[in-house]
Amino acid sequence: MNKNREKKKMSNEIIENASIKVALNLFRAKEFTKKKFINSNLVSEFRDERGDVPGWVLVVLMTTGLVTAIWTIASPRLSAILKNSLDSMNGIR
C-alpha cells in the first residue's frame, strides 16, 4: 500500500512539474511573440504615422470657410430653386 502512495505521489509530482513547464513555456512564447510584434515593421510604420493634425485642421477650416462663402453668395438662388422645385412637386398631385 505504501508503494502505491509513493507511485501516486511521484505521478502527481511529474504532472505538476509538467504543468509548470508548460505554463512557463506559454509565458515565454507570449513574451517572445509580443516582442516580435512590437519590433515588427508593421507596428513601427503605424507608430511613425501619427498624422498631420494641424494640416487636417487647416483643411477642415478652409472647407468650412469655402462652403460658408459659397452658401452666402448663392443662398438666394438656391432658395429660389428649392422653392420652385417644391412648388412644381405640389402641382403633380
N, C-alpha and C. Protein backbone atom coordinates (compact mmCIF):
# COMPACT_ATOMS: atom_id res chain seq x y z
N MET A 1 0.80 -1.19 0.00
CA MET A 1 0.00 0.00 0.00
C MET A 1 0.85 1.26 0.00
N ASN A 2 1.95 1.17 0.71
CA ASN A 2 2.87 2.29 0.78
C ASN A 2 3.49 2.57 -0.59
N LYS A 3 3.71 1.47 -1.36
CA LYS A 3 4.27 1.62 -2.70
C LYS A 3 3.31 2.37 -3.63
N ASN A 4 2.02 2.08 -3.49
CA ASN A 4 1.01 2.74 -4.32
C ASN A 4 0.96 4.24 -4.03
N ARG A 5 1.08 4.57 -2.75
CA ARG A 5 1.09 6.00 -2.38
C ARG A 5 2.30 6.71 -2.97
N GLU A 6 3.44 6.05 -2.92
CA GLU A 6 4.67 6.64 -3.48
C GLU A 6 4.54 6.83 -4.98
N LYS A 7 3.97 5.83 -5.67
CA LYS A 7 3.77 5.95 -7.12
C LYS A 7 2.83 7.09 -7.45
N LYS A 8 1.73 7.16 -6.66
CA LYS A 8 0.74 8.23 -6.89
C LYS A 8 1.36 9.59 -6.62
N LYS A 9 2.16 9.68 -5.54
CA LYS A 9 2.81 10.95 -5.21
C LYS A 9 3.80 11.34 -6.30
N MET A 10 4.56 10.34 -6.78
CA MET A 10 5.54 10.60 -7.83
C MET A 10 4.82 11.02 -9.12
N SER A 11 3.71 10.36 -9.41
CA SER A 11 2.92 10.69 -10.60
C SER A 11 2.38 12.12 -10.50
N ASN A 12 1.88 12.48 -9.33
CA ASN A 12 1.37 13.84 -9.12
C ASN A 12 2.48 14.87 -9.27
N GLU A 13 3.67 14.57 -8.77
CA GLU A 13 4.81 15.49 -8.89
C GLU A 13 5.21 15.66 -10.35
N ILE A 14 5.19 14.57 -11.10
CA ILE A 14 5.54 14.64 -12.52
C ILE A 14 4.54 15.51 -13.27
N ILE A 15 3.25 15.29 -12.97
CA ILE A 15 2.20 16.09 -13.62
C ILE A 15 2.33 17.55 -13.24
N GLU A 16 2.62 17.82 -11.97
CA GLU A 16 2.78 19.20 -11.51
C GLU A 16 3.97 19.87 -12.18
N ASN A 17 5.09 19.15 -12.25
CA ASN A 17 6.28 19.71 -12.92
C ASN A 17 6.02 19.96 -14.40
N ALA A 18 5.31 19.02 -15.04
CA ALA A 18 5.00 19.20 -16.46
C ALA A 18 4.08 20.40 -16.66
N SER A 19 3.11 20.57 -15.76
CA SER A 19 2.20 21.71 -15.85
C SER A 19 2.95 23.02 -15.70
N ILE A 20 3.88 23.05 -14.75
CA ILE A 20 4.69 24.26 -14.55
C ILE A 20 5.52 24.55 -15.79
N LYS A 21 6.12 23.51 -16.37
CA LYS A 21 6.94 23.70 -17.57
C LYS A 21 6.09 24.22 -18.74
N VAL A 22 4.89 23.66 -18.89
CA VAL A 22 4.01 24.11 -19.97
C VAL A 22 3.62 25.56 -19.77
N ALA A 23 3.26 25.92 -18.53
CA ALA A 23 2.88 27.31 -18.25
C ALA A 23 4.05 28.26 -18.50
N LEU A 24 5.24 27.85 -18.09
CA LEU A 24 6.43 28.68 -18.30
C LEU A 24 6.71 28.85 -19.79
N ASN A 25 6.59 27.77 -20.54
CA ASN A 25 6.82 27.86 -22.00
C ASN A 25 5.76 28.73 -22.67
N LEU A 26 4.52 28.64 -22.23
CA LEU A 26 3.48 29.51 -22.79
C LEU A 26 3.78 30.98 -22.51
N PHE A 27 4.23 31.26 -21.28
CA PHE A 27 4.58 32.63 -20.92
C PHE A 27 5.73 33.14 -21.78
N ARG A 28 6.76 32.28 -21.94
CA ARG A 28 7.91 32.68 -22.76
C ARG A 28 7.49 32.91 -24.21
N ALA A 29 6.62 32.03 -24.72
CA ALA A 29 6.16 32.18 -26.11
C ALA A 29 5.37 33.48 -26.26
N LYS A 30 4.55 33.79 -25.26
CA LYS A 30 3.76 35.03 -25.32
C LYS A 30 4.68 36.24 -25.32
N GLU A 31 5.67 36.25 -24.45
CA GLU A 31 6.60 37.38 -24.38
C GLU A 31 7.41 37.49 -25.68
N PHE A 32 7.84 36.35 -26.22
CA PHE A 32 8.60 36.36 -27.47
C PHE A 32 7.76 36.93 -28.60
N THR A 33 6.50 36.47 -28.69
CA THR A 33 5.59 36.94 -29.74
C THR A 33 5.31 38.43 -29.57
N LYS A 34 5.13 38.86 -28.34
CA LYS A 34 4.86 40.28 -28.07
C LYS A 34 6.05 41.13 -28.51
N LYS A 35 7.28 40.70 -28.18
CA LYS A 35 8.47 41.46 -28.59
C LYS A 35 8.60 41.50 -30.10
N LYS A 36 8.35 40.35 -30.74
CA LYS A 36 8.45 40.31 -32.21
C LYS A 36 7.42 41.24 -32.85
N PHE A 37 6.20 41.25 -32.30
CA PHE A 37 5.14 42.09 -32.86
C PHE A 37 5.47 43.56 -32.67
N ILE A 38 5.94 43.92 -31.48
CA ILE A 38 6.25 45.32 -31.21
C ILE A 38 7.39 45.80 -32.09
N ASN A 39 8.36 44.94 -32.34
CA ASN A 39 9.52 45.32 -33.15
C ASN A 39 9.31 45.09 -34.64
N SER A 40 8.13 44.63 -35.05
CA SER A 40 7.90 44.34 -36.46
C SER A 40 7.79 45.64 -37.26
N ASN A 41 7.94 45.51 -38.56
CA ASN A 41 7.86 46.67 -39.45
C ASN A 41 6.46 47.27 -39.46
N LEU A 42 5.45 46.42 -39.37
CA LEU A 42 4.06 46.90 -39.41
C LEU A 42 3.79 47.86 -38.25
N VAL A 43 4.18 47.46 -37.06
CA VAL A 43 3.94 48.30 -35.89
C VAL A 43 4.77 49.57 -35.97
N SER A 44 6.01 49.46 -36.42
CA SER A 44 6.85 50.66 -36.50
C SER A 44 6.31 51.64 -37.55
N GLU A 45 5.72 51.12 -38.63
CA GLU A 45 5.13 52.01 -39.63
C GLU A 45 3.92 52.75 -39.06
N PHE A 46 3.07 52.04 -38.32
CA PHE A 46 1.92 52.69 -37.69
C PHE A 46 2.36 53.68 -36.63
N ARG A 47 3.42 53.35 -35.91
CA ARG A 47 3.90 54.24 -34.87
C ARG A 47 4.43 55.53 -35.49
N ASP A 48 5.05 55.43 -36.68
CA ASP A 48 5.59 56.62 -37.34
C ASP A 48 4.50 57.46 -38.00
N GLU A 49 3.37 56.84 -38.34
CA GLU A 49 2.26 57.56 -38.98
C GLU A 49 1.36 58.19 -37.93
N ARG A 50 1.80 59.24 -37.33
CA ARG A 50 0.99 59.89 -36.31
C ARG A 50 -0.06 60.80 -36.94
N GLY A 51 0.15 61.18 -38.16
CA GLY A 51 -0.80 62.05 -38.83
C GLY A 51 -0.40 63.51 -38.69
N ASP A 52 -0.95 64.30 -39.57
CA ASP A 52 -0.64 65.72 -39.60
C ASP A 52 -1.87 66.46 -39.09
N VAL A 53 -2.01 66.56 -37.78
CA VAL A 53 -3.20 67.17 -37.18
C VAL A 53 -3.36 68.63 -37.61
N PRO A 54 -2.34 69.46 -37.53
CA PRO A 54 -2.53 70.85 -37.98
C PRO A 54 -2.96 70.94 -39.44
N GLY A 55 -2.46 70.04 -40.27
CA GLY A 55 -2.85 70.03 -41.68
C GLY A 55 -4.32 69.71 -41.85
N TRP A 56 -4.80 68.71 -41.09
CA TRP A 56 -6.22 68.34 -41.18
C TRP A 56 -7.11 69.45 -40.64
N VAL A 57 -6.67 70.10 -39.58
CA VAL A 57 -7.44 71.22 -39.04
C VAL A 57 -7.54 72.33 -40.08
N LEU A 58 -6.44 72.59 -40.75
CA LEU A 58 -6.43 73.63 -41.79
C LEU A 58 -7.38 73.26 -42.93
N VAL A 59 -7.36 71.99 -43.35
CA VAL A 59 -8.25 71.56 -44.44
C VAL A 59 -9.72 71.72 -44.03
N VAL A 60 -10.04 71.31 -42.81
CA VAL A 60 -11.43 71.42 -42.33
C VAL A 60 -11.85 72.89 -42.26
N LEU A 61 -11.00 73.74 -41.72
CA LEU A 61 -11.34 75.16 -41.61
C LEU A 61 -11.50 75.82 -42.98
N MET A 62 -10.61 75.48 -43.91
CA MET A 62 -10.71 76.06 -45.25
C MET A 62 -11.98 75.58 -45.95
N THR A 63 -12.31 74.29 -45.80
CA THR A 63 -13.53 73.77 -46.42
C THR A 63 -14.76 74.45 -45.83
N THR A 64 -14.77 74.61 -44.52
CA THR A 64 -15.89 75.29 -43.87
C THR A 64 -16.02 76.72 -44.36
N GLY A 65 -14.89 77.40 -44.49
CA GLY A 65 -14.90 78.77 -44.99
C GLY A 65 -15.41 78.86 -46.42
N LEU A 66 -14.97 77.93 -47.27
CA LEU A 66 -15.44 77.94 -48.66
C LEU A 66 -16.93 77.65 -48.75
N VAL A 67 -17.41 76.69 -48.00
CA VAL A 67 -18.84 76.37 -48.03
C VAL A 67 -19.66 77.55 -47.54
N THR A 68 -19.19 78.19 -46.47
CA THR A 68 -19.90 79.35 -45.93
C THR A 68 -19.93 80.49 -46.94
N ALA A 69 -18.79 80.76 -47.59
CA ALA A 69 -18.73 81.85 -48.57
C ALA A 69 -19.64 81.56 -49.77
N ILE A 70 -19.57 80.33 -50.28
CA ILE A 70 -20.41 79.98 -51.43
C ILE A 70 -21.89 80.02 -51.05
N TRP A 71 -22.20 79.50 -49.85
CA TRP A 71 -23.60 79.50 -49.39
C TRP A 71 -24.13 80.92 -49.25
N THR A 72 -23.29 81.82 -48.73
CA THR A 72 -23.71 83.22 -48.56
C THR A 72 -24.02 83.85 -49.91
N ILE A 73 -23.18 83.60 -50.88
CA ILE A 73 -23.37 84.20 -52.20
C ILE A 73 -24.55 83.55 -52.93
N ALA A 74 -24.68 82.23 -52.83
CA ALA A 74 -25.67 81.52 -53.63
C ALA A 74 -26.98 81.26 -52.89
N SER A 75 -27.10 81.68 -51.65
CA SER A 75 -28.28 81.37 -50.85
C SER A 75 -29.59 81.82 -51.48
N PRO A 76 -29.69 83.07 -51.99
CA PRO A 76 -30.98 83.47 -52.58
C PRO A 76 -31.35 82.60 -53.80
N ARG A 77 -30.38 82.30 -54.63
CA ARG A 77 -30.66 81.50 -55.83
C ARG A 77 -31.01 80.06 -55.45
N LEU A 78 -30.28 79.49 -54.47
CA LEU A 78 -30.58 78.13 -54.02
C LEU A 78 -31.97 78.04 -53.40
N SER A 79 -32.32 79.06 -52.63
CA SER A 79 -33.67 79.09 -52.04
C SER A 79 -34.74 79.14 -53.12
N ALA A 80 -34.50 79.94 -54.17
CA ALA A 80 -35.46 80.04 -55.27
C ALA A 80 -35.58 78.70 -56.00
N ILE A 81 -34.47 78.05 -56.24
CA ILE A 81 -34.50 76.75 -56.92
C ILE A 81 -35.28 75.74 -56.08
N LEU A 82 -35.02 75.70 -54.77
CA LEU A 82 -35.72 74.78 -53.89
C LEU A 82 -37.23 75.07 -53.85
N LYS A 83 -37.56 76.37 -53.77
CA LYS A 83 -38.98 76.75 -53.73
C LYS A 83 -39.69 76.36 -55.02
N ASN A 84 -39.06 76.63 -56.16
CA ASN A 84 -39.65 76.25 -57.45
C ASN A 84 -39.82 74.74 -57.57
N SER A 85 -38.84 73.99 -57.09
CA SER A 85 -38.92 72.52 -57.15
C SER A 85 -40.07 72.00 -56.30
N LEU A 86 -40.18 72.52 -55.09
CA LEU A 86 -41.26 72.09 -54.20
C LEU A 86 -42.64 72.49 -54.76
N ASP A 87 -42.72 73.71 -55.34
CA ASP A 87 -43.98 74.15 -55.93
C ASP A 87 -44.38 73.26 -57.11
N SER A 88 -43.38 72.87 -57.92
CA SER A 88 -43.70 72.01 -59.05
C SER A 88 -44.10 70.61 -58.60
N MET A 89 -43.58 70.14 -57.48
CA MET A 89 -43.97 68.84 -56.92
C MET A 89 -45.42 68.89 -56.42
N ASN A 90 -45.83 70.04 -55.88
CA ASN A 90 -47.21 70.18 -55.42
C ASN A 90 -48.17 70.14 -56.60
N GLY A 91 -47.76 70.64 -57.76
CA GLY A 91 -48.61 70.63 -58.95
C GLY A 91 -48.81 69.24 -59.49
N ILE A 92 -47.92 68.27 -59.19
CA ILE A 92 -48.04 66.90 -59.70
C ILE A 92 -49.22 66.20 -59.04
N ARG A 93 -49.51 66.48 -57.81
CA ARG A 93 -50.62 65.83 -57.10
C ARG A 93 -51.87 66.22 -57.79
